[in-house]
N, C-alpha and C. Protein backbone atom coordinates (compact mmCIF):
# COMPACT_ATOMS: atom_id res chain seq x y z
N MET A 1 86.79 133.59 128.60
CA MET A 1 86.98 134.30 127.59
C MET A 1 85.66 134.61 127.05
N SER A 2 84.87 135.31 127.25
CA SER A 2 83.64 135.96 126.36
C SER A 2 83.92 136.86 126.12
N GLN A 3 82.96 137.46 124.97
CA GLN A 3 83.65 138.74 124.34
C GLN A 3 82.19 139.65 124.76
N ALA A 4 82.53 140.97 125.02
CA ALA A 4 81.54 141.63 125.29
C ALA A 4 80.42 141.93 123.78
N VAL A 5 79.09 142.31 124.14
CA VAL A 5 78.78 142.34 122.58
C VAL A 5 78.07 143.85 122.69
N SER A 6 78.39 144.66 121.68
CA SER A 6 77.51 146.25 121.71
C SER A 6 76.22 145.73 121.38
N PRO A 7 75.07 146.41 122.07
CA PRO A 7 74.11 146.47 122.14
C PRO A 7 73.52 146.76 120.36
N SER A 8 74.69 147.49 119.69
CA SER A 8 73.98 148.13 118.66
C SER A 8 73.98 146.81 117.48
N ARG A 9 75.35 145.89 117.87
CA ARG A 9 75.29 144.71 116.51
C ARG A 9 74.27 143.78 117.01
N GLY A 10 73.47 143.46 117.84
CA GLY A 10 72.13 142.86 118.20
C GLY A 10 72.77 141.35 118.87
N ARG A 11 71.57 140.75 119.32
CA ARG A 11 71.99 139.49 120.25
C ARG A 11 72.37 138.15 119.52
N LEU A 12 71.85 138.49 118.31
CA LEU A 12 71.81 137.11 117.40
C LEU A 12 73.72 137.54 116.71
N ALA A 13 74.25 138.53 116.36
CA ALA A 13 75.39 138.83 116.12
C ALA A 13 76.36 138.01 117.05
N ALA A 14 76.49 137.92 118.25
CA ALA A 14 77.18 137.35 118.90
C ALA A 14 77.11 135.94 119.26
N ARG A 15 76.28 135.17 118.04
CA ARG A 15 76.08 134.16 118.32
C ARG A 15 76.40 133.07 116.72
N PRO A 16 77.98 132.81 116.77
CA PRO A 16 78.42 132.67 115.34
C PRO A 16 77.82 130.79 115.35
N GLU A 17 77.56 130.25 116.10
CA GLU A 17 77.08 129.03 116.16
C GLU A 17 75.83 129.03 115.35
N LEU A 18 74.98 130.03 115.17
CA LEU A 18 73.91 130.21 114.46
C LEU A 18 74.35 130.09 113.15
N GLY A 19 75.69 130.49 112.58
CA GLY A 19 76.27 130.12 111.36
C GLY A 19 76.41 128.77 110.99
N VAL A 20 76.63 128.15 111.93
CA VAL A 20 76.85 126.86 111.70
C VAL A 20 75.66 125.84 111.81
N ALA A 21 74.42 126.29 112.55
CA ALA A 21 73.16 125.84 112.11
C ALA A 21 72.64 125.91 110.56
N LEU A 22 72.80 127.52 110.28
CA LEU A 22 72.33 127.61 109.02
C LEU A 22 72.67 126.94 107.85
N LEU A 23 74.10 126.49 108.21
CA LEU A 23 75.18 125.85 107.09
C LEU A 23 74.45 124.43 107.19
N LEU A 24 74.24 123.91 108.30
CA LEU A 24 73.45 122.81 108.37
C LEU A 24 72.50 122.81 107.53
N GLY A 25 71.28 123.53 108.05
CA GLY A 25 70.13 123.62 107.39
C GLY A 25 70.14 123.60 105.70
N VAL A 26 71.28 124.22 105.43
CA VAL A 26 71.18 124.84 103.82
C VAL A 26 71.75 123.26 103.29
N VAL A 27 72.52 122.77 103.84
CA VAL A 27 73.13 121.43 103.64
C VAL A 27 71.87 120.37 103.42
N GLY A 28 71.15 120.51 104.77
CA GLY A 28 70.17 119.43 104.62
C GLY A 28 69.06 119.84 103.38
N LEU A 29 68.67 121.02 103.14
CA LEU A 29 67.65 121.30 102.35
C LEU A 29 68.16 120.72 100.61
N VAL A 30 69.45 120.99 100.74
CA VAL A 30 70.25 120.65 99.09
C VAL A 30 69.94 118.86 99.19
N VAL A 31 70.46 118.42 100.31
CA VAL A 31 70.28 116.85 99.91
C VAL A 31 69.02 116.54 99.97
N LEU A 32 68.11 116.89 100.70
CA LEU A 32 66.42 117.08 100.51
C LEU A 32 66.22 116.97 99.15
N VAL A 33 66.27 117.97 98.53
CA VAL A 33 65.61 118.54 96.94
C VAL A 33 66.35 117.36 96.40
N ASP A 34 67.88 117.24 96.22
CA ASP A 34 68.18 116.12 95.42
C ASP A 34 67.56 114.86 95.56
N ALA A 35 67.57 114.56 96.62
CA ALA A 35 66.74 112.90 97.00
C ALA A 35 65.73 112.96 96.60
N LEU A 36 64.67 113.86 96.56
CA LEU A 36 63.52 113.98 95.95
C LEU A 36 63.44 114.11 94.42
N ARG A 37 64.18 114.78 93.95
CA ARG A 37 64.77 114.81 92.21
C ARG A 37 64.98 113.24 92.12
N MET A 38 65.42 112.65 92.62
CA MET A 38 66.26 111.45 92.04
C MET A 38 65.60 110.56 91.54
N ASP A 39 65.57 110.35 90.27
CA ASP A 39 64.80 109.28 89.24
C ASP A 39 65.53 108.06 89.04
N ALA A 40 65.34 107.22 89.99
CA ALA A 40 65.51 105.85 90.06
C ALA A 40 64.65 104.84 90.10
N PRO A 41 64.54 104.12 89.32
CA PRO A 41 63.52 103.16 89.38
C PRO A 41 63.52 102.06 90.57
N THR A 42 62.61 101.65 90.86
CA THR A 42 62.36 100.75 92.27
C THR A 42 61.48 99.51 91.75
N THR A 43 62.15 98.54 92.18
CA THR A 43 61.41 97.41 92.00
C THR A 43 60.34 96.40 93.01
N GLU A 44 60.07 95.68 92.77
CA GLU A 44 58.96 95.15 93.83
C GLU A 44 59.84 94.48 95.05
N SER A 45 60.91 93.83 94.79
CA SER A 45 61.66 93.45 95.73
C SER A 45 62.94 94.24 96.62
N ASP A 46 62.85 95.64 95.92
CA ASP A 46 63.59 96.43 96.36
C ASP A 46 62.46 97.62 97.04
N ARG A 47 61.80 97.33 98.27
CA ARG A 47 61.00 98.22 98.70
C ARG A 47 61.63 99.67 99.14
N VAL A 48 62.60 99.55 99.54
CA VAL A 48 63.38 100.83 100.28
C VAL A 48 63.90 101.49 99.05
N GLY A 49 64.53 101.46 98.15
CA GLY A 49 64.74 102.38 96.92
C GLY A 49 65.99 103.08 97.23
N PRO A 50 66.72 103.41 96.48
CA PRO A 50 67.96 104.63 96.45
C PRO A 50 67.88 105.65 97.18
N GLN A 51 66.64 105.92 97.20
CA GLN A 51 66.20 107.43 97.94
C GLN A 51 66.32 107.57 99.46
N ALA A 52 66.13 106.08 99.97
CA ALA A 52 65.92 106.23 101.22
C ALA A 52 67.06 106.54 101.99
N PHE A 53 68.47 106.58 101.93
CA PHE A 53 69.60 106.96 102.64
C PHE A 53 70.04 108.62 102.29
N PRO A 54 69.64 109.24 101.37
CA PRO A 54 69.77 110.57 101.21
C PRO A 54 68.59 111.14 101.71
N LEU A 55 67.23 110.65 101.81
CA LEU A 55 66.21 111.29 102.46
C LEU A 55 67.06 111.08 104.12
N ALA A 56 67.00 109.76 104.55
CA ALA A 56 67.25 110.05 106.24
C ALA A 56 68.44 110.77 106.24
N VAL A 57 69.35 111.03 105.67
CA VAL A 57 70.44 112.20 106.07
C VAL A 57 69.91 113.29 105.90
N ALA A 58 69.32 113.46 105.12
CA ALA A 58 68.74 114.98 104.89
C ALA A 58 67.85 115.55 106.43
N VAL A 59 66.87 114.30 106.56
CA VAL A 59 66.37 114.48 107.80
C VAL A 59 66.88 114.71 109.05
N LEU A 60 67.95 114.02 109.14
CA LEU A 60 68.95 113.75 110.51
C LEU A 60 69.76 115.45 110.19
N LEU A 61 70.25 116.01 109.22
CA LEU A 61 70.93 116.85 108.75
C LEU A 61 69.94 118.05 109.49
N LEU A 62 68.31 118.29 108.79
CA LEU A 62 67.65 119.26 109.27
C LEU A 62 67.26 119.19 110.78
N VAL A 63 67.20 118.39 111.37
CA VAL A 63 67.15 118.02 112.74
C VAL A 63 67.88 118.51 113.66
N CYS A 64 69.53 118.15 113.22
CA CYS A 64 70.38 118.72 114.02
C CYS A 64 70.41 120.51 114.01
N ALA A 65 70.28 120.74 112.72
CA ALA A 65 70.19 122.11 112.40
C ALA A 65 69.15 122.86 113.25
N VAL A 66 67.87 122.47 113.21
CA VAL A 66 66.95 122.92 114.25
C VAL A 66 67.60 122.89 115.84
N ALA A 67 67.80 121.63 116.16
CA ALA A 67 68.09 121.42 117.95
C ALA A 67 69.63 122.35 118.00
N LEU A 68 70.48 122.42 117.14
CA LEU A 68 71.62 123.56 117.36
C LEU A 68 71.23 124.79 117.30
N ALA A 69 70.10 125.34 116.64
CA ALA A 69 69.62 126.80 116.63
C ALA A 69 68.96 126.83 117.68
N LEU A 70 68.28 126.26 118.19
CA LEU A 70 67.13 126.28 119.29
C LEU A 70 68.20 126.35 120.84
N ASP A 71 69.29 125.46 120.96
CA ASP A 71 70.25 125.49 121.83
C ASP A 71 70.82 126.84 121.91
N VAL A 72 71.42 127.41 121.06
CA VAL A 72 72.00 128.65 120.84
C VAL A 72 71.18 129.71 121.25
N LEU A 73 69.88 129.96 120.87
CA LEU A 73 68.71 130.64 120.99
C LEU A 73 68.62 130.61 122.61
N ARG A 74 68.59 129.66 123.13
CA ARG A 74 68.40 129.46 124.54
C ARG A 74 69.60 129.69 125.39
N GLY A 75 70.55 129.80 124.91
CA GLY A 75 71.73 130.36 125.56
C GLY A 75 72.87 129.28 125.72
N GLY A 76 72.96 128.61 125.06
CA GLY A 76 73.88 127.49 124.50
C GLY A 76 75.37 127.99 124.34
N ARG A 77 76.40 127.85 124.45
CA ARG A 77 77.68 128.44 124.03
C ARG A 77 78.62 127.57 123.46
N GLY A 78 79.27 127.40 122.12
CA GLY A 78 80.06 126.26 121.80
C GLY A 78 81.33 126.81 122.93
N VAL A 79 82.19 125.86 123.39
CA VAL A 79 83.38 126.29 124.47
C VAL A 79 84.39 125.86 123.78
N ALA A 80 85.67 126.93 123.56
CA ALA A 80 86.92 126.17 122.87
C ALA A 80 87.45 124.90 123.92
N GLU A 81 87.92 123.99 122.76
CA GLU A 81 88.71 122.92 123.29
C GLU A 81 89.94 123.05 124.28
N GLU A 82 89.80 122.50 125.53
CA GLU A 82 90.81 122.72 126.37
C GLU A 82 91.59 121.45 126.78
N GLY A 83 91.85 120.65 125.76
CA GLY A 83 92.72 119.29 125.84
C GLY A 83 93.81 119.74 126.48
N GLU A 84 94.31 118.69 127.15
CA GLU A 84 95.65 118.30 127.86
C GLU A 84 96.86 118.50 127.21
N ASP A 85 96.58 117.95 125.48
CA ASP A 85 97.94 117.89 124.70
C ASP A 85 97.58 118.93 123.78
N VAL A 86 96.79 119.85 124.12
CA VAL A 86 96.33 120.71 122.60
C VAL A 86 96.76 122.25 122.72
N ASP A 87 97.55 122.55 122.51
CA ASP A 87 97.93 124.19 122.58
C ASP A 87 97.33 125.04 121.41
N LEU A 88 96.45 125.77 122.29
CA LEU A 88 95.25 126.55 121.49
C LEU A 88 95.85 127.90 120.81
N THR A 89 97.07 128.28 121.41
CA THR A 89 97.85 129.50 121.11
C THR A 89 98.89 129.00 119.88
N ALA A 90 99.33 127.97 119.57
CA ALA A 90 99.91 127.65 118.27
C ALA A 90 99.22 127.92 117.22
N PRO A 91 100.35 128.53 116.12
CA PRO A 91 99.89 128.56 114.68
C PRO A 91 99.59 127.37 114.01
N THR A 92 99.16 127.93 112.97
CA THR A 92 98.87 126.62 111.93
C THR A 92 100.06 125.90 111.44
N GLU A 93 99.97 124.82 111.37
CA GLU A 93 101.76 124.26 110.86
C GLU A 93 101.24 123.99 109.16
N TRP A 94 101.70 125.21 108.33
CA TRP A 94 101.44 125.03 107.27
C TRP A 94 102.23 124.02 106.49
N ARG A 95 103.02 123.82 107.19
CA ARG A 95 104.56 122.59 106.37
C ARG A 95 103.79 121.27 106.30
N VAL A 96 102.56 121.12 107.38
CA VAL A 96 102.07 120.06 106.97
C VAL A 96 100.68 120.23 105.97
N VAL A 97 99.93 121.42 106.48
CA VAL A 97 98.52 121.52 106.05
C VAL A 97 98.76 121.75 104.24
N LEU A 98 99.49 122.17 103.94
CA LEU A 98 99.59 122.59 102.52
C LEU A 98 100.11 121.15 101.84
N PRO A 99 101.31 120.33 102.14
CA PRO A 99 101.18 119.23 101.35
C PRO A 99 100.09 118.27 101.27
N LEU A 100 99.25 118.03 102.60
CA LEU A 100 98.28 117.46 102.60
C LEU A 100 97.09 117.87 101.68
N LEU A 101 97.16 119.38 101.42
CA LEU A 101 95.87 119.67 100.39
C LEU A 101 96.35 119.30 99.06
N GLY A 102 97.57 119.72 98.57
CA GLY A 102 98.18 118.99 97.72
C GLY A 102 98.25 117.71 97.25
N VAL A 103 97.99 116.86 98.19
CA VAL A 103 97.70 115.35 97.71
C VAL A 103 96.34 114.82 97.68
N PHE A 104 95.61 115.77 98.21
CA PHE A 104 93.90 115.39 97.89
C PHE A 104 93.77 116.29 96.60
N VAL A 105 94.34 117.26 96.39
CA VAL A 105 94.08 117.89 94.91
C VAL A 105 94.70 117.30 93.96
N ALA A 106 95.76 116.46 93.99
CA ALA A 106 96.37 115.65 93.29
C ALA A 106 95.56 114.14 92.91
N ASN A 107 95.07 113.84 93.97
CA ASN A 107 94.03 112.73 94.34
C ASN A 107 93.07 112.91 93.01
N VAL A 108 92.18 114.05 93.52
CA VAL A 108 91.08 114.39 92.71
C VAL A 108 91.36 114.38 91.06
N LEU A 109 92.29 115.07 90.74
CA LEU A 109 92.82 115.26 89.49
C LEU A 109 93.11 113.78 88.77
N LEU A 110 93.97 113.51 89.42
CA LEU A 110 94.95 112.23 88.69
C LEU A 110 93.69 110.61 88.89
N ILE A 111 92.88 110.68 89.72
CA ILE A 111 91.99 109.37 90.14
C ILE A 111 91.47 109.11 88.54
N ASP A 112 91.03 109.79 87.81
CA ASP A 112 90.52 109.22 86.63
C ASP A 112 91.52 108.56 85.75
N VAL A 113 92.54 109.63 85.51
CA VAL A 113 93.78 109.21 84.83
C VAL A 113 94.47 107.93 84.92
N LEU A 114 95.09 107.91 86.13
CA LEU A 114 95.67 107.03 86.67
C LEU A 114 95.12 106.01 87.16
N GLY A 115 93.87 105.90 87.65
CA GLY A 115 92.92 104.90 88.51
C GLY A 115 93.13 104.91 90.27
N TRP A 116 91.87 104.24 90.90
CA TRP A 116 92.04 104.31 92.24
C TRP A 116 93.51 103.71 92.87
N VAL A 117 93.85 102.65 92.24
CA VAL A 117 95.03 101.90 93.10
C VAL A 117 96.10 103.18 92.98
N VAL A 118 96.75 103.27 91.62
CA VAL A 118 97.67 104.14 91.84
C VAL A 118 97.50 105.27 92.44
N SER A 119 96.58 106.22 92.17
CA SER A 119 96.24 107.73 92.50
C SER A 119 95.66 107.20 94.09
N GLY A 120 95.15 106.27 94.62
CA GLY A 120 95.11 106.00 96.13
C GLY A 120 96.47 105.70 97.01
N ALA A 121 97.22 104.74 96.18
CA ALA A 121 98.57 104.82 96.83
C ALA A 121 99.48 106.12 97.01
N MET A 122 99.17 106.81 96.16
CA MET A 122 99.78 108.20 96.00
C MET A 122 99.45 108.57 97.23
N LEU A 123 98.02 108.84 97.45
CA LEU A 123 97.12 109.63 98.46
C LEU A 123 97.68 109.19 99.70
N PHE A 124 97.58 108.04 100.06
CA PHE A 124 98.25 107.39 101.31
C PHE A 124 99.53 107.70 101.66
N PHE A 125 100.44 107.55 100.71
CA PHE A 125 101.86 107.54 100.95
C PHE A 125 102.02 109.17 101.17
N GLY A 126 101.42 110.29 100.40
CA GLY A 126 101.50 111.62 100.64
C GLY A 126 101.42 112.01 101.86
N CYS A 127 99.79 111.56 102.44
CA CYS A 127 99.71 111.73 103.39
C CYS A 127 100.64 111.34 104.71
N ALA A 128 101.15 109.94 104.92
CA ALA A 128 102.03 109.56 105.92
C ALA A 128 103.11 110.47 105.62
N TRP A 129 103.61 110.85 104.50
CA TRP A 129 104.68 111.53 104.29
C TRP A 129 104.88 113.32 105.10
N SER A 130 103.36 113.82 104.54
CA SER A 130 103.51 115.24 105.05
C SER A 130 102.70 115.31 106.67
N LEU A 131 102.65 113.88 107.05
CA LEU A 131 102.11 114.02 108.38
C LEU A 131 103.58 113.82 109.43
N GLY A 132 104.78 113.42 108.59
CA GLY A 132 105.85 113.11 109.13
C GLY A 132 106.62 111.79 109.13
N SER A 133 105.77 110.94 108.52
CA SER A 133 106.59 109.44 108.87
C SER A 133 107.87 109.66 107.33
N ARG A 134 109.07 109.00 107.86
CA ARG A 134 110.03 108.68 106.98
C ARG A 134 110.32 107.49 106.56
N HIS A 135 109.56 106.49 106.69
CA HIS A 135 109.61 104.99 106.65
C HIS A 135 109.19 104.67 105.20
N TYR A 136 109.76 105.20 104.31
CA TYR A 136 109.57 105.09 102.75
C TYR A 136 109.20 103.90 102.25
N VAL A 137 109.80 102.85 102.26
CA VAL A 137 109.60 101.61 101.63
C VAL A 137 108.45 101.00 102.58
N ARG A 138 108.46 101.36 103.98
CA ARG A 138 107.43 100.77 104.62
C ARG A 138 105.87 101.54 104.21
N ASP A 139 106.07 102.77 103.98
CA ASP A 139 104.99 103.46 104.02
C ASP A 139 104.40 103.06 102.40
N ALA A 140 105.23 102.85 101.38
CA ALA A 140 104.59 102.78 99.91
C ALA A 140 104.06 101.47 99.98
N LEU A 141 104.61 100.28 100.66
CA LEU A 141 104.08 99.37 100.86
C LEU A 141 102.77 98.87 101.06
N ILE A 142 102.65 99.90 102.19
CA ILE A 142 101.34 99.90 102.96
C ILE A 142 100.34 100.91 102.23
N SER A 143 100.98 101.46 101.70
CA SER A 143 99.94 102.15 100.87
C SER A 143 99.53 101.82 99.42
N VAL A 144 100.26 100.77 98.90
CA VAL A 144 99.89 100.08 97.82
C VAL A 144 98.77 98.79 98.58
N ALA A 145 98.99 98.30 99.23
CA ALA A 145 98.27 97.46 100.10
C ALA A 145 96.78 98.06 100.35
N LEU A 146 96.79 99.27 100.97
CA LEU A 146 95.35 100.10 101.40
C LEU A 146 94.55 100.28 100.16
N SER A 147 95.37 100.58 99.07
CA SER A 147 94.65 100.74 97.65
C SER A 147 93.83 99.91 97.54
N LEU A 148 94.41 99.08 97.19
CA LEU A 148 94.28 97.40 96.58
C LEU A 148 93.11 96.93 97.45
N VAL A 149 93.30 96.86 98.61
CA VAL A 149 92.26 96.71 99.81
C VAL A 149 90.79 97.28 99.33
N THR A 150 91.07 98.71 99.11
CA THR A 150 89.96 99.28 99.17
C THR A 150 89.11 99.36 97.60
N PHE A 151 90.02 99.16 96.95
CA PHE A 151 89.92 99.05 95.55
C PHE A 151 88.65 97.51 95.60
N TYR A 152 89.40 96.60 95.73
CA TYR A 152 88.46 95.35 95.68
C TYR A 152 87.53 95.51 96.67
N GLY A 153 87.67 96.12 97.89
CA GLY A 153 86.68 95.83 98.64
C GLY A 153 85.22 96.76 98.82
N PHE A 154 85.68 97.99 97.63
CA PHE A 154 84.41 98.39 96.98
C PHE A 154 83.85 97.52 95.75
N TYR A 155 85.03 96.95 94.96
CA TYR A 155 84.61 95.62 93.77
C TYR A 155 83.83 94.77 94.15
N LEU A 156 84.46 94.05 95.37
CA LEU A 156 83.61 92.99 95.50
C LEU A 156 82.41 92.90 96.68
N GLY A 157 82.87 93.67 97.66
CA GLY A 157 82.02 93.84 98.70
C GLY A 157 80.77 94.78 98.34
N LEU A 158 80.92 95.70 97.63
CA LEU A 158 79.84 96.94 97.69
C LEU A 158 79.39 96.65 95.91
N GLY A 159 80.19 96.26 95.18
CA GLY A 159 79.72 96.46 93.83
C GLY A 159 79.92 97.62 92.97
N ILE A 160 80.79 98.31 93.50
CA ILE A 160 80.97 99.79 93.18
C ILE A 160 82.36 99.77 92.38
N HIS A 161 82.53 100.07 91.20
CA HIS A 161 84.03 99.90 90.34
C HIS A 161 84.50 101.69 90.34
N LEU A 162 85.59 101.34 91.02
CA LEU A 162 86.45 102.57 91.27
C LEU A 162 87.21 102.39 89.86
N PRO A 163 88.05 103.67 89.40
CA PRO A 163 88.50 103.86 88.15
C PRO A 163 89.72 102.84 88.16
N ALA A 164 89.96 101.86 87.24
CA ALA A 164 91.39 101.17 86.98
C ALA A 164 92.40 102.17 86.36
N GLY A 165 92.14 103.01 85.66
CA GLY A 165 93.03 103.69 85.12
C GLY A 165 94.07 103.26 84.07
N VAL A 166 95.15 102.92 84.63
CA VAL A 166 96.00 102.61 83.91
C VAL A 166 96.56 101.18 83.90
N LEU A 167 95.77 100.63 85.33
CA LEU A 167 95.76 99.29 85.54
C LEU A 167 94.52 98.65 85.04
N GLU A 168 93.84 99.05 84.06
CA GLU A 168 92.79 98.62 83.40
C GLU A 168 93.11 97.33 82.35
N GLY A 169 92.63 96.03 82.89
CA GLY A 169 92.90 94.99 82.18
C GLY A 169 93.53 94.16 83.10
N VAL A 170 94.41 94.79 84.05
CA VAL A 170 95.42 94.11 85.11
C VAL A 170 94.51 93.64 86.29
N LEU A 171 93.57 94.68 86.63
CA LEU A 171 93.15 94.39 87.99
C LEU A 171 91.80 93.55 87.81
């Protein structure tokens, strides 16, 4: 399934993978600039500091961008997936995509008001429903359990306080 490229479009116009490499490079540069501008105090016991992880991610993104660009320029080409259970000719299933998108947008808008436990449970339940599950009671129980586990996992395990929202004082 190769496409012929007219000489007037040029050699690089036939390489959409270069766009991915460019995007990786831009994201890497943004992360690098943000990490270098980070004003975080360090202590003697904290030798690594909070800049280490973003700097590592930025370097890895830039390395991947350069490696991908070099591969494409040397003739490498992305190949469409030919999985045994993937129908590449099937259209997008918008009845699944749009509810998923709606659930994610609702979570972003409601997380500060309702808190993670409530909005997270709604997120998990909405994702299960939009992907086809119709076991409402089981899905609701699992959703509440997942949101509580992640809330306390972040709070106790990582020391990150997720918003409690309407359950402030209860959790």
